[in-house]
Every structure is written in structure tokens, then in C-alpha cells.
Amino acid sequence: ENHVYFNSIKDEFSGFERFGYMNLYGTFLKRCTDENVILGAEYFKETAKNESNPYVKTFAQRALKSMLTRYKELETTYTDELSKAKTENKNTEVLENKLNKTKLTKEKIKSLYDSVK
């Protein structure tokens, strides 16, 4: 629901005003589903590619890098939890699903980030 709001107002900001918007949007995306994170990453990619203001462009690239770092950390966390669960002979199906979904999202964000480096 809130993601729709952020998408609807993104064109209302230009130049340096976009810093505030992108900062809020990036913070919001940390609490979103992987699908919404990918949509947000696509926005940051388009901004980094098409923005004429070099500061806004750099900020968008940093936002993508931050998202990528977050998903790398999640992948490490889930991998560690999965290893621990296997040694304790616990059910690992849920963790395996989380890890696979995190890896897929990380790869999508990485490809978006690589396209604007």
C-alpha cells in the first residue's frame, strides 16, 4: 500500500529535492517484501542512469550498493542459521526457502547495480 504512494510521488521531486525522497524511499524499502525492494532498486537504477545531476546520480548508486550489501548480509545470516539448524537436526525447509529467495533478490539487485557502476 505504501509502495504505491512512493511510486505515485516520485516524479514530484527534482534536483536536490530528490535526496530527501530517495533517502525516505530507501529507508522504507528496508521493511518491504523482496518484490517491492526489486521495484525500488529499478527506480534507483533508472535514476542513476538518467539523472543529469551528478550528486543525485551518485546517491542513487549508493542506495543500490546499500541494498546489495544488505542482501549479502542476509544471505550470510541465513547460511549460518541453516548450517546451525543442520547440525542440530532441525527442519531446514523454511530457512532454505528464505536463503534461496534472498539469493535471487541479491542477484537481481546486483545486476541492476552492475548496470550503473
Protein backbone atom coordinates (compact mmCIF):
# COMPACT_ATOMS: atom_id res chain seq x y z
CA GLU A 1 0.00 0.00 0.00
CA ASN A 2 2.73 2.49 0.94
CA HIS A 3 4.81 1.39 -2.01
CA VAL A 4 2.06 2.66 -4.30
CA TYR A 5 2.31 6.02 -2.55
CA PHE A 6 6.07 6.25 -3.05
CA ASN A 7 5.68 5.37 -6.72
CA SER A 8 2.96 7.97 -7.19
CA ILE A 9 5.03 10.86 -5.81
CA LYS A 10 8.45 10.06 -7.29
CA ASP A 11 8.00 12.48 -10.20
CA GLU A 12 7.09 15.33 -7.84
CA PHE A 13 10.73 15.86 -6.89
CA SER A 14 13.58 17.20 -8.96
CA GLY A 15 17.20 18.09 -8.43
CA PHE A 16 18.33 18.19 -4.83
CA GLU A 17 14.79 17.58 -3.55
CA ARG A 18 15.24 14.01 -4.73
CA PHE A 19 17.82 13.41 -1.97
CA GLY A 20 15.15 13.56 0.71
CA TYR A 21 12.75 11.45 -1.30
CA MET A 22 15.37 8.81 -2.13
CA ASN A 23 16.52 8.70 1.48
CA LEU A 24 12.99 8.11 2.76
CA TYR A 25 12.26 5.61 0.00
CA GLY A 26 15.46 3.67 0.71
CA THR A 27 14.62 3.52 4.41
CA PHE A 28 11.08 2.38 3.59
CA LEU A 29 12.36 -0.37 1.30
CA LYS A 30 14.28 -1.95 4.17
CA ARG A 31 10.91 -3.00 5.62
CA CYS A 32 9.38 -4.21 2.36
CA THR A 33 8.98 -7.53 0.64
CA ASP A 34 11.65 -8.66 -1.79
CA GLU A 35 9.35 -7.87 -4.71
CA ASN A 36 8.96 -4.25 -3.62
CA VAL A 37 12.70 -3.99 -2.96
CA ILE A 38 13.34 -5.02 -6.56
CA LEU A 39 10.89 -2.40 -7.80
CA GLY A 40 12.67 0.19 -5.68
CA ALA A 41 16.05 -0.96 -6.96
CA GLU A 42 14.79 -0.49 -10.51
CA TYR A 43 13.82 3.09 -9.63
CA PHE A 44 17.30 3.76 -8.25
CA LYS A 45 18.87 2.20 -11.34
CA GLU A 46 16.83 4.42 -13.66
CA THR A 47 17.71 7.45 -11.56
CA ALA A 48 21.41 6.60 -11.63
CA LYS A 49 21.31 6.11 -15.41
CA ASN A 50 19.15 9.06 -16.44
CA GLU A 51 19.67 11.79 -13.84
CA SER A 52 21.65 14.78 -15.05
CA ASN A 53 22.58 15.95 -11.54
CA PRO A 54 25.80 14.05 -10.68
CA TYR A 55 25.11 14.18 -6.93
CA VAL A 56 21.67 12.62 -7.29
CA LYS A 57 23.15 10.05 -9.67
CA THR A 58 25.82 9.12 -7.12
CA PHE A 59 23.25 8.97 -4.32
CA ALA A 60 21.15 6.53 -6.38
CA GLN A 61 24.21 4.35 -7.00
CA ARG A 62 24.98 4.34 -3.28
CA ALA A 63 21.40 3.36 -2.50
CA LEU A 64 21.73 0.37 -4.82
CA LYS A 65 25.04 -0.58 -3.26
CA SER A 66 23.49 -0.34 0.20
CA MET A 67 20.63 -2.62 -0.87
CA LEU A 68 23.12 -5.10 -2.30
CA THR A 69 25.16 -5.06 0.90
CA ARG A 70 22.03 -5.65 2.96
CA TYR A 71 21.10 -8.72 0.91
CA LYS A 72 24.66 -10.08 1.09
CA GLU A 73 24.45 -9.79 4.88
CA LEU A 74 21.05 -11.52 4.90
CA GLU A 75 22.47 -14.31 2.76
CA THR A 76 25.32 -14.80 5.22
CA THR A 77 22.93 -14.79 8.17
CA TYR A 78 20.61 -17.37 6.58
CA THR A 79 23.57 -19.53 5.54
CA ASP A 80 24.87 -19.53 9.11
CA GLU A 81 21.43 -20.29 10.52
CA LEU A 82 20.97 -23.08 8.01
CA SER A 83 24.31 -24.66 8.93
CA LYS A 84 23.43 -24.46 12.61
CA ALA A 85 19.99 -25.97 12.01
CA LYS A 86 21.51 -28.86 10.04
CA THR A 87 23.98 -29.67 12.81
CA GLU A 88 21.09 -29.67 15.30
CA ASN A 89 18.98 -31.88 13.00
CA LYS A 90 16.20 -29.29 12.79
CA ASN A 91 13.82 -28.80 9.90
CA THR A 92 15.64 -26.59 7.38
CA GLU A 93 12.98 -26.18 4.69
CA VAL A 94 11.89 -22.68 5.78
CA LEU A 95 15.48 -21.46 6.05
CA GLU A 96 16.36 -22.95 2.67
CA ASN A 97 13.42 -21.13 1.09
CA LYS A 98 14.43 -17.84 2.73
CA LEU A 99 18.03 -18.32 1.61
CA ASN A 100 17.04 -19.10 -1.98
CA LYS A 101 14.70 -16.12 -2.16
CA THR A 102 17.38 -13.87 -0.69
CA LYS A 103 19.94 -15.12 -3.22
CA LEU A 104 17.57 -14.45 -6.12
CA THR A 105 16.81 -10.94 -4.89
CA LYS A 106 20.51 -10.26 -4.29
CA GLU A 107 21.34 -11.34 -7.85
CA LYS A 108 18.65 -9.08 -9.31
CA ILE A 109 19.91 -6.11 -7.29
CA LYS A 110 23.50 -6.94 -8.26
CA SER A 111 22.64 -6.94 -11.95
CA LEU A 112 20.91 -3.55 -11.55
CA TYR A 113 23.87 -2.17 -9.62
CA ASP A 114 26.38 -3.51 -12.14
CA SER A 115 24.50 -1.80 -14.95
CA VAL A 116 25.11 1.65 -13.40
CA LYS A 117 28.65 1.31 -11.99
